[in-house]
Amino acid sequence: MSSNPSPEYIDPANVAMLREVLRTAGFRGVEAEAGSDAKHTAAVFLNSEFRNGNRTREALLRALERRGKGVAYDLRAGKLPKDRAIDRWQDEGGR
């Protein structure tokens, strides 16, 4: 058995930091505006970023900001472009 922790292990201090990043970005806490799907997606994304080497609060917030500005997925709204197109189609009389 090795005394070195696995690189996959996230210690409690890092879990607390990830939670704080999510709270700061609006994905955690009672004031969070994001829906549950968006919160889950943001948490999974942050976990992945952390495991890929983004280990500071600032780097993780920047990564979330870059992700939120992407065209493919709006984290806060929790909507995909296809959802927007379907909504527009229904608004215009589609069934």
PDB file of N, CA and C in Angstrom:
ATOM      1  N   MET A   1       0.840  -1.168   0.000  1.00  0.00           N
ATOM      2  CA  MET A   1       0.000   0.000   0.000  1.00  0.00           C
ATOM      3  C   MET A   1       0.890   1.236   0.000  1.00  0.00           C
ATOM      4  N   SER A   2       0.566   2.195  -0.821  1.00  0.00           N
ATOM      5  CA  SER A   2       1.360   3.403  -0.961  1.00  0.00           C
ATOM      6  C   SER A   2       0.933   4.459   0.050  1.00  0.00           C
ATOM      7  N   SER A   3       1.912   5.225   0.518  1.00  0.00           N
ATOM      8  CA  SER A   3       1.593   6.322   1.433  1.00  0.00           C
ATOM      9  C   SER A   3       1.298   7.611   0.676  1.00  0.00           C
ATOM     10  N   ASN A   4       1.512   7.591  -0.630  1.00  0.00           N
ATOM     11  CA  ASN A   4       1.212   8.766  -1.451  1.00  0.00           C
ATOM     12  C   ASN A   4      -0.246   8.737  -1.874  1.00  0.00           C
ATOM     13  N   PRO A   5      -0.957   9.851  -1.660  1.00  0.00           N
ATOM     14  CA  PRO A   5      -2.367   9.862  -2.067  1.00  0.00           C
ATOM     15  C   PRO A   5      -2.506   9.777  -3.583  1.00  0.00           C
ATOM     16  N   SER A   6      -3.555   9.143  -4.008  1.00  0.00           N
ATOM     17  CA  SER A   6      -3.851   9.023  -5.430  1.00  0.00           C
ATOM     18  C   SER A   6      -4.134  10.401  -6.011  1.00  0.00           C
ATOM     19  N   PRO A   7      -3.714  10.655  -7.260  1.00  0.00           N
ATOM     20  CA  PRO A   7      -4.031  11.950  -7.871  1.00  0.00           C
ATOM     21  C   PRO A   7      -5.539  12.141  -8.064  1.00  0.00           C
ATOM     22  N   GLU A   8      -6.303  11.049  -7.979  1.00  0.00           N
ATOM     23  CA  GLU A   8      -7.757  11.134  -8.112  1.00  0.00           C
ATOM     24  C   GLU A   8      -8.428  11.595  -6.823  1.00  0.00           C
ATOM     25  N   TYR A   9      -7.690  11.567  -5.711  1.00  0.00           N
ATOM     26  CA  TYR A   9      -8.251  11.909  -4.414  1.00  0.00           C
ATOM     27  C   TYR A   9      -8.333  13.425  -4.257  1.00  0.00           C
ATOM     28  N   ILE A  10      -9.487  13.910  -3.852  1.00  0.00           N
ATOM     29  CA  ILE A  10      -9.661  15.334  -3.574  1.00  0.00           C
ATOM     30  C   ILE A  10      -9.881  15.461  -2.074  1.00  0.00           C
ATOM     31  N   ASP A  11      -8.976  16.171  -1.398  1.00  0.00           N
ATOM     32  CA  ASP A  11      -9.077  16.262   0.059  1.00  0.00           C
ATOM     33  C   ASP A  11     -10.191  17.235   0.471  1.00  0.00           C
ATOM     34  N   PRO A  12     -10.597  17.197   1.739  1.00  0.00           N
ATOM     35  CA  PRO A  12     -11.712  18.035   2.205  1.00  0.00           C
ATOM     36  C   PRO A  12     -11.514  19.536   1.970  1.00  0.00           C
ATOM     37  N   ALA A  13     -10.278  20.011   2.082  1.00  0.00           N
ATOM     38  CA  ALA A  13     -10.024  21.439   1.836  1.00  0.00           C
ATOM     39  C   ALA A  13     -10.316  21.795   0.380  1.00  0.00           C
ATOM     40  N   ASN A  14      -9.962  20.898  -0.533  1.00  0.00           N
ATOM     41  CA  ASN A  14     -10.230  21.152  -1.950  1.00  0.00           C
ATOM     42  C   ASN A  14     -11.718  21.048  -2.266  1.00  0.00           C
ATOM     43  N   VAL A  15     -12.418  20.137  -1.608  1.00  0.00           N
ATOM     44  CA  VAL A  15     -13.871  20.038  -1.784  1.00  0.00           C
ATOM     45  C   VAL A  15     -14.521  21.343  -1.338  1.00  0.00           C
ATOM     46  N   ALA A  16     -14.059  21.874  -0.207  1.00  0.00           N
ATOM     47  CA  ALA A  16     -14.592  23.151   0.285  1.00  0.00           C
ATOM     48  C   ALA A  16     -14.320  24.271  -0.713  1.00  0.00           C
ATOM     49  N   MET A  17     -13.121  24.274  -1.324  1.00  0.00           N
ATOM     50  CA  MET A  17     -12.798  25.294  -2.314  1.00  0.00           C
ATOM     51  C   MET A  17     -13.707  25.159  -3.538  1.00  0.00           C
ATOM     52  N   LEU A  18     -13.931  23.931  -4.008  1.00  0.00           N
ATOM     53  CA  LEU A  18     -14.810  23.716  -5.160  1.00  0.00           C
ATOM     54  C   LEU A  18     -16.227  24.201  -4.855  1.00  0.00           C
ATOM     55  N   ARG A  19     -16.703  23.936  -3.647  1.00  0.00           N
ATOM     56  CA  ARG A  19     -18.033  24.417  -3.247  1.00  0.00           C
ATOM     57  C   ARG A  19     -18.084  25.938  -3.229  1.00  0.00           C
ATOM     58  N   GLU A  20     -17.024  26.558  -2.732  1.00  0.00           N
ATOM     59  CA  GLU A  20     -16.982  28.024  -2.685  1.00  0.00           C
ATOM     60  C   GLU A  20     -16.963  28.614  -4.097  1.00  0.00           C
ATOM     61  N   VAL A  21     -16.232  27.988  -5.003  1.00  0.00           N
ATOM     62  CA  VAL A  21     -16.210  28.450  -6.398  1.00  0.00           C
ATOM     63  C   VAL A  21     -17.612  28.345  -6.992  1.00  0.00           C
ATOM     64  N   LEU A  22     -18.281  27.229  -6.753  1.00  0.00           N
ATOM     65  CA  LEU A  22     -19.651  27.063  -7.261  1.00  0.00           C
ATOM     66  C   LEU A  22     -20.582  28.119  -6.665  1.00  0.00           C
ATOM     67  N   ARG A  23     -20.438  28.402  -5.378  1.00  0.00           N
ATOM     68  CA  ARG A  23     -21.274  29.408  -4.712  1.00  0.00           C
ATOM     69  C   ARG A  23     -21.001  30.798  -5.305  1.00  0.00           C
ATOM     70  N   THR A  24     -19.731  31.132  -5.464  1.00  0.00           N
ATOM     71  CA  THR A  24     -19.348  32.431  -6.019  1.00  0.00           C
ATOM     72  C   THR A  24     -19.897  32.616  -7.427  1.00  0.00           C
ATOM     73  N   ALA A  25     -19.891  31.546  -8.210  1.00  0.00           N
ATOM     74  CA  ALA A  25     -20.356  31.612  -9.599  1.00  0.00           C
ATOM     75  C   ALA A  25     -21.874  31.487  -9.722  1.00  0.00           C
ATOM     76  N   GLY A  26     -22.576  31.282  -8.606  1.00  0.00           N
ATOM     77  CA  GLY A  26     -24.037  31.217  -8.647  1.00  0.00           C
ATOM     78  C   GLY A  26     -24.613  29.835  -8.881  1.00  0.00           C
ATOM     79  N   PHE A  27     -23.827  28.796  -8.579  1.00  0.00           N
ATOM     80  CA  PHE A  27     -24.286  27.427  -8.797  1.00  0.00           C
ATOM     81  C   PHE A  27     -24.475  26.642  -7.504  1.00  0.00           C
ATOM     82  N   ARG A  28     -24.435  27.320  -6.363  1.00  0.00           N
ATOM     83  CA  ARG A  28     -24.598  26.632  -5.082  1.00  0.00           C
ATOM     84  C   ARG A  28     -25.161  27.616  -4.071  1.00  0.00           C
ATOM     85  N   GLY A  29     -25.964  27.108  -3.165  1.00  0.00           N
ATOM     86  CA  GLY A  29     -26.513  27.936  -2.106  1.00  0.00           C
ATOM     87  C   GLY A  29     -27.951  28.338  -2.382  1.00  0.00           C
ATOM     88  N   VAL A  30     -28.582  28.912  -1.366  1.00  0.00           N
ATOM     89  CA  VAL A  30     -29.997  29.263  -1.495  1.00  0.00           C
ATOM     90  C   VAL A  30     -30.225  30.421  -2.461  1.00  0.00           C
ATOM     91  N   GLU A  31     -29.203  31.248  -2.679  1.00  0.00           N
ATOM     92  CA  GLU A  31     -29.341  32.372  -3.609  1.00  0.00           C
ATOM     93  C   GLU A  31     -29.044  31.986  -5.055  1.00  0.00           C
ATOM     94  N   ALA A  32     -28.632  30.765  -5.287  1.00  0.00           N
ATOM     95  CA  ALA A  32     -28.233  30.339  -6.630  1.00  0.00           C
ATOM     96  C   ALA A  32     -29.395  30.464  -7.605  1.00  0.00           C
ATOM     97  N   GLU A  33     -29.123  31.101  -8.737  1.00  0.00           N
ATOM     98  CA  GLU A  33     -30.142  31.311  -9.772  1.00  0.00           C
ATOM     99  C   GLU A  33     -30.225  30.136 -10.742  1.00  0.00           C
ATOM    100  N   ALA A  34     -29.173  29.355 -10.808  1.00  0.00           N
ATOM    101  CA  ALA A  34     -29.096  28.271 -11.788  1.00  0.00           C
ATOM    102  C   ALA A  34     -30.032  27.121 -11.420  1.00  0.00           C
ATOM    103  N   GLY A  35     -30.528  26.425 -12.449  1.00  0.00           N
ATOM    104  CA  GLY A  35     -31.360  25.250 -12.247  1.00  0.00           C
ATOM    105  C   GLY A  35     -30.521  24.051 -11.830  1.00  0.00           C
ATOM    106  N   SER A  36     -31.175  22.987 -11.412  1.00  0.00           N
ATOM    107  CA  SER A  36     -30.446  21.819 -10.904  1.00  0.00           C
ATOM    108  C   SER A  36     -29.565  21.169 -11.970  1.00  0.00           C
ATOM    109  N   ASP A  37     -30.023  21.132 -13.221  1.00  0.00           N
ATOM    110  CA  ASP A  37     -29.192  20.562 -14.286  1.00  0.00           C
ATOM    111  C   ASP A  37     -27.936  21.397 -14.496  1.00  0.00           C
ATOM    112  N   ALA A  38     -28.087  22.715 -14.479  1.00  0.00           N
ATOM    113  CA  ALA A  38     -26.944  23.608 -14.656  1.00  0.00           C
ATOM    114  C   ALA A  38     -25.977  23.477 -13.483  1.00  0.00           C
ATOM    115  N   LYS A  39     -26.513  23.340 -12.274  1.00  0.00           N
ATOM    116  CA  LYS A  39     -25.659  23.160 -11.091  1.00  0.00           C
ATOM    117  C   LYS A  39     -24.853  21.874 -11.212  1.00  0.00           C
ATOM    118  N   HIS A  40     -25.518  20.807 -11.622  1.00  0.00           N
ATOM    119  CA  HIS A  40     -24.836  19.519 -11.777  1.00  0.00           C
ATOM    120  C   HIS A  40     -23.752  19.609 -12.853  1.00  0.00           C
ATOM    121  N   THR A  41     -24.087  20.210 -13.978  1.00  0.00           N
ATOM    122  CA  THR A  41     -23.128  20.347 -15.071  1.00  0.00           C
ATOM    123  C   THR A  41     -21.920  21.166 -14.631  1.00  0.00           C
ATOM    124  N   ALA A  42     -22.163  22.251 -13.907  1.00  0.00           N
ATOM    125  CA  ALA A  42     -21.065  23.091 -13.423  1.00  0.00           C
ATOM    126  C   ALA A  42     -20.181  22.320 -12.448  1.00  0.00           C
ATOM    127  N   ALA A  43     -20.783  21.529 -11.563  1.00  0.00           N
ATOM    128  CA  ALA A  43     -20.006  20.751 -10.596  1.00  0.00           C
ATOM    129  C   ALA A  43     -19.141  19.703 -11.300  1.00  0.00           C
ATOM    130  N   VAL A  44     -19.712  19.023 -12.274  1.00  0.00           N
ATOM    131  CA  VAL A  44     -18.955  18.016 -13.029  1.00  0.00           C
ATOM    132  C   VAL A  44     -17.814  18.689 -13.791  1.00  0.00           C
ATOM    133  N   PHE A  45     -18.105  19.829 -14.409  1.00  0.00           N
ATOM    134  CA  PHE A  45     -17.088  20.571 -15.152  1.00  0.00           C
ATOM    135  C   PHE A  45     -15.947  20.996 -14.230  1.00  0.00           C
ATOM    136  N   LEU A  46     -16.285  21.564 -13.062  1.00  0.00           N
ATOM    137  CA  LEU A  46     -15.251  22.002 -12.117  1.00  0.00           C
ATOM    138  C   LEU A  46     -14.411  20.832 -11.627  1.00  0.00           C
ATOM    139  N   ASN A  47     -15.051  19.722 -11.342  1.00  0.00           N
ATOM    140  CA  ASN A  47     -14.328  18.530 -10.902  1.00  0.00           C
ATOM    141  C   ASN A  47     -13.320  18.106 -11.966  1.00  0.00           C
ATOM    142  N   SER A  48     -13.748  18.111 -13.208  1.00  0.00           N
ATOM    143  CA  SER A  48     -12.870  17.752 -14.315  1.00  0.00           C
ATOM    144  C   SER A  48     -11.707  18.738 -14.439  1.00  0.00           C
ATOM    145  N   GLU A  49     -12.017  20.024 -14.350  1.00  0.00           N
ATOM    146  CA  GLU A  49     -10.970  21.048 -14.427  1.00  0.00           C
ATOM    147  C   GLU A  49      -9.955  20.871 -13.298  1.00  0.00           C
ATOM    148  N   PHE A  50     -10.439  20.607 -12.095  1.00  0.00           N
ATOM    149  CA  PHE A  50      -9.554  20.412 -10.952  1.00  0.00           C
ATOM    150  C   PHE A  50      -8.631  19.221 -11.189  1.00  0.00           C
ATOM    151  N   ARG A  51      -9.187  18.123 -11.646  1.00  0.00           N
ATOM    152  CA  ARG A  51      -8.387  16.921 -11.892  1.00  0.00           C
ATOM    153  C   ARG A  51      -7.403  17.113 -13.049  1.00  0.00           C
ATOM    154  N   ASN A  52      -7.711  18.063 -13.943  1.00  0.00           N
ATOM    155  CA  ASN A  52      -6.810  18.347 -15.063  1.00  0.00           C
ATOM    156  C   ASN A  52      -5.757  19.394 -14.727  1.00  0.00           C
ATOM    157  N   GLY A  53      -5.722  19.841 -13.467  1.00  0.00           N
ATOM    158  CA  GLY A  53      -4.631  20.719 -13.055  1.00  0.00           C
ATOM    159  C   GLY A  53      -5.005  22.131 -12.662  1.00  0.00           C
ATOM    160  N   ASN A  54      -6.226  22.562 -12.887  1.00  0.00           N
ATOM    161  CA  ASN A  54      -6.652  23.890 -12.430  1.00  0.00           C
ATOM    162  C   ASN A  54      -6.949  23.784 -10.943  1.00  0.00           C
ATOM    163  N   ARG A  55      -5.988  24.162 -10.107  1.00  0.00           N
ATOM    164  CA  ARG A  55      -6.086  23.898  -8.675  1.00  0.00           C
ATOM    165  C   ARG A  55      -6.304  25.142  -7.825  1.00  0.00           C
ATOM    166  N   THR A  56      -6.440  26.315  -8.437  1.00  0.00           N
ATOM    167  CA  THR A  56      -6.674  27.517  -7.637  1.00  0.00           C
ATOM    168  C   THR A  56      -8.090  28.026  -7.858  1.00  0.00           C
ATOM    169  N   ARG A  57      -8.571  28.749  -6.874  1.00  0.00           N
ATOM    170  CA  ARG A  57      -9.919  29.322  -6.936  1.00  0.00           C
ATOM    171  C   ARG A  57     -10.067  30.208  -8.179  1.00  0.00           C
ATOM    172  N   GLU A  58      -9.063  31.043  -8.416  1.00  0.00           N
ATOM    173  CA  GLU A  58      -9.109  31.978  -9.543  1.00  0.00           C
ATOM    174  C   GLU A  58      -9.133  31.246 -10.880  1.00  0.00           C
ATOM    175  N   ALA A  59      -8.304  30.214 -11.017  1.00  0.00           N
ATOM    176  CA  ALA A  59      -8.259  29.453 -12.273  1.00  0.00           C
ATOM    177  C   ALA A  59      -9.587  28.753 -12.527  1.00  0.00           C
ATOM    178  N   LEU A  60     -10.202  28.229 -11.473  1.00  0.00           N
ATOM    179  CA  LEU A  60     -11.483  27.541 -11.632  1.00  0.00           C
ATOM    180  C   LEU A  60     -12.602  28.520 -11.976  1.00  0.00           C
ATOM    181  N   LEU A  61     -12.592  29.698 -11.363  1.00  0.00           N
ATOM    182  CA  LEU A  61     -13.595  30.715 -11.708  1.00  0.00           C
ATOM    183  C   LEU A  61     -13.442  31.158 -13.160  1.00  0.00           C
ATOM    184  N   ARG A  62     -12.190  31.337 -13.611  1.00  0.00           N
ATOM    185  CA  ARG A  62     -11.957  31.703 -15.019  1.00  0.00           C
ATOM    186  C   ARG A  62     -12.446  30.606 -15.959  1.00  0.00           C
ATOM    187  N   ALA A  63     -12.197  29.346 -15.596  1.00  0.00           N
ATOM    188  CA  ALA A  63     -12.641  28.226 -16.431  1.00  0.00           C
ATOM    189  C   ALA A  63     -14.164  28.211 -16.533  1.00  0.00           C
ATOM    190  N   LEU A  64     -14.851  28.442 -15.417  1.00  0.00           N
ATOM    191  CA  LEU A  64     -16.318  28.499 -15.444  1.00  0.00           C
ATOM    192  C   LEU A  64     -16.800  29.668 -16.292  1.00  0.00           C
ATOM    193  N   GLU A  65     -16.114  30.789 -16.180  1.00  0.00           N
ATOM    194  CA  GLU A  65     -16.496  31.960 -16.974  1.00  0.00           C
ATOM    195  C   GLU A  65     -16.332  31.677 -18.463  1.00  0.00           C
ATOM    196  N   ARG A  66     -15.204  31.078 -18.834  1.00  0.00           N
ATOM    197  CA  ARG A  66     -14.990  30.722 -20.250  1.00  0.00           C
ATOM    198  C   ARG A  66     -16.055  29.742 -20.716  1.00  0.00           C
ATOM    199  N   ARG A  67     -16.371  28.776 -19.883  1.00  0.00           N
ATOM    200  CA  ARG A  67     -17.384  27.769 -20.237  1.00  0.00           C
ATOM    201  C   ARG A  67     -18.747  28.423 -20.421  1.00  0.00           C
ATOM    202  N   GLY A  68     -19.080  29.365 -19.536  1.00  0.00           N
ATOM    203  CA  GLY A  68     -20.364  30.051 -19.599  1.00  0.00           C
ATOM    204  C   GLY A  68     -20.523  30.917 -20.829  1.00  0.00           C
ATOM    205  N   LYS A  69     -19.403  31.381 -21.386  1.00  0.00           N
ATOM    206  CA  LYS A  69     -19.466  32.224 -22.576  1.00  0.00           C
ATOM    207  C   LYS A  69     -19.504  31.404 -23.856  1.00  0.00           C
ATOM    208  N   GLY A  70     -19.387  30.091 -23.728  1.00  0.00           N
ATOM    209  CA  GLY A  70     -19.399  29.228 -24.906  1.00  0.00           C
ATOM    210  C   GLY A  70     -20.751  29.222 -25.595  1.00  0.00           C
ATOM    211  N   VAL A  71     -20.741  28.975 -26.879  1.00  0.00           N
ATOM    212  CA  VAL A  71     -21.967  28.954 -27.668  1.00  0.00           C
ATOM    213  C   VAL A  71     -22.762  27.677 -27.429  1.00  0.00           C
ATOM    214  N   ALA A  72     -22.069  26.579 -27.164  1.00  0.00           N
ATOM    215  CA  ALA A  72     -22.738  25.282 -27.101  1.00  0.00           C
ATOM    216  C   ALA A  72     -23.636  25.114 -25.888  1.00  0.00           C
ATOM    217  N   TYR A  73     -23.335  25.789 -24.789  1.00  0.00           N
ATOM    218  CA  TYR A  73     -24.122  25.538 -23.580  1.00  0.00           C
ATOM    219  C   TYR A  73     -24.060  26.735 -22.649  1.00  0.00           C
ATOM    220  N   ASP A  74     -25.201  27.214 -22.247  1.00  0.00           N
ATOM    221  CA  ASP A  74     -25.281  28.319 -21.303  1.00  0.00           C
ATOM    222  C   ASP A  74     -25.525  27.720 -19.924  1.00  0.00           C
ATOM    223  N   LEU A  75     -24.498  27.705 -19.066  1.00  0.00           N
ATOM    224  CA  LEU A  75     -24.596  27.032 -17.769  1.00  0.00           C
ATOM    225  C   LEU A  75     -25.685  27.615 -16.882  1.00  0.00           C
ATOM    226  N   ARG A  76     -25.808  28.918 -16.826  1.00  0.00           N
ATOM    227  CA  ARG A  76     -26.798  29.520 -15.930  1.00  0.00           C
ATOM    228  C   ARG A  76     -28.219  29.176 -16.344  1.00  0.00           C
ATOM    229  N   ALA A  77     -28.510  29.297 -17.595  1.00  0.00           N
ATOM    230  CA  ALA A  77     -29.871  29.024 -18.054  1.00  0.00           C
ATOM    231  C   ALA A  77     -30.131  27.526 -18.132  1.00  0.00           C
ATOM    232  N   GLY A  78     -29.070  26.740 -18.299  1.00  0.00           N
ATOM    233  CA  GLY A  78     -29.240  25.300 -18.409  1.00  0.00           C
ATOM    234  C   GLY A  78     -29.914  24.898 -19.703  1.00  0.00           C
ATOM    235  N   LYS A  79     -29.728  25.697 -20.743  1.00  0.00           N
ATOM    236  CA  LYS A  79     -30.392  25.411 -22.014  1.00  0.00           C
ATOM    237  C   LYS A  79     -29.372  25.148 -23.105  1.00  0.00           C
ATOM    238  N   LEU A  80     -29.681  24.205 -23.932  1.00  0.00           N
ATOM    239  CA  LEU A  80     -28.891  23.925 -25.115  1.00  0.00           C
ATOM    240  C   LEU A  80     -29.468  24.710 -26.284  1.00  0.00           C
ATOM    241  N   PRO A  81     -28.672  25.004 -27.316  1.00  0.00           N
ATOM    242  CA  PRO A  81     -29.198  25.727 -28.477  1.00  0.00           C
ATOM    243  C   PRO A  81     -30.420  25.044 -29.091  1.00  0.00           C
ATOM    244  N   LYS A  82     -30.450  23.711 -29.109  1.00  0.00           N
ATOM    245  CA  LYS A  82     -31.600  22.996 -29.663  1.00  0.00           C
ATOM    246  C   LYS A  82     -32.861  23.333 -28.873  1.00  0.00           C
ATOM    247  N   ASP A  83     -32.740  23.430 -27.544  1.00  0.00           N
ATOM    248  CA  ASP A  83     -33.885  23.797 -26.711  1.00  0.00           C
ATOM    249  C   ASP A  83     -34.416  25.175 -27.097  1.00  0.00           C
ATOM    250  N   ARG A  84     -33.495  26.094 -27.338  1.00  0.00           N
ATOM    251  CA  ARG A  84     -33.910  27.447 -27.742  1.00  0.00           C
ATOM    252  C   ARG A  84     -34.646  27.408 -29.077  1.00  0.00           C
ATOM    253  N   ALA A  85     -34.142  26.603 -30.012  1.00  0.00           N
ATOM    254  CA  ALA A  85     -34.777  26.499 -31.325  1.00  0.00           C
ATOM    255  C   ALA A  85     -36.176  25.899 -31.204  1.00  0.00           C
ATOM    256  N   ILE A  86     -36.321  24.893 -30.362  1.00  0.00           N
ATOM    257  CA  ILE A  86     -37.642  24.278 -30.158  1.00  0.00           C
ATOM    258  C   ILE A  86     -38.591  25.276 -29.517  1.00  0.00           C
ATOM    259  N   ASP A  87     -38.101  26.017 -28.516  1.00  0.00           N
ATOM    260  CA  ASP A  87     -38.934  27.044 -27.882  1.00  0.00           C
ATOM    261  C   ASP A  87     -39.410  28.071 -28.905  1.00  0.00           C
ATOM    262  N   ARG A  88     -38.491  28.525 -29.762  1.00  0.00           N
ATOM    263  CA  ARG A  88     -38.849  29.513 -30.781  1.00  0.00           C
ATOM    264  C   ARG A  88     -39.874  28.923 -31.751  1.00  0.00           C
ATOM    265  N   TRP A  89     -39.666  27.685 -32.165  1.00  0.00           N
ATOM    266  CA  TRP A  89     -40.579  27.016 -33.090  1.00  0.00           C
ATOM    267  C   TRP A  89     -41.972  26.935 -32.475  1.00  0.00           C
ATOM    268  N   GLN A  90     -42.054  26.567 -31.184  1.00  0.00           N
ATOM    269  CA  GLN A  90     -43.351  26.486 -30.518  1.00  0.00           C
ATOM    270  C   GLN A  90     -43.996  27.863 -30.392  1.00  0.00           C
ATOM    271  N   ASP A  91     -43.194  28.886 -30.117  1.00  0.00           N
ATOM    272  CA  ASP A  91     -43.717  30.250 -30.020  1.00  0.00           C
ATOM    273  C   ASP A  91     -44.297  30.730 -31.347  1.00  0.00           C
ATOM    274  N   GLU A  92     -43.743  30.213 -32.441  1.00  0.00           N
ATOM    275  CA  GLU A  92     -44.200  30.628 -33.766  1.00  0.00           C
ATOM    276  C   GLU A  92     -45.329  29.751 -34.293  1.00  0.00           C
ATOM    277  N   GLY A  93     -45.885  28.897 -33.441  1.00  0.00           N
ATOM    278  CA  GLY A  93     -47.041  28.113 -33.846  1.00  0.00           C
ATOM    279  C   GLY A  93     -46.776  26.658 -34.133  1.00  0.00           C
ATOM    280  N   GLY A  94     -45.544  26.203 -33.931  1.00  0.00           N
ATOM    281  CA  GLY A  94     -45.238  24.788 -34.146  1.00  0.00           C
ATOM    282  C   GLY A  94     -45.900  23.925 -33.092  1.00  0.00           C
ATOM    283  N   ARG A  95     -46.071  22.668 -33.401  1.00  0.00           N
ATOM    284  CA  ARG A  95     -46.724  21.767 -32.441  1.00  0.00           C
ATOM    285  C   ARG A  95     -45.788  20.724 -31.985  1.00  0.00           C
TER     286      ARG A  95
END
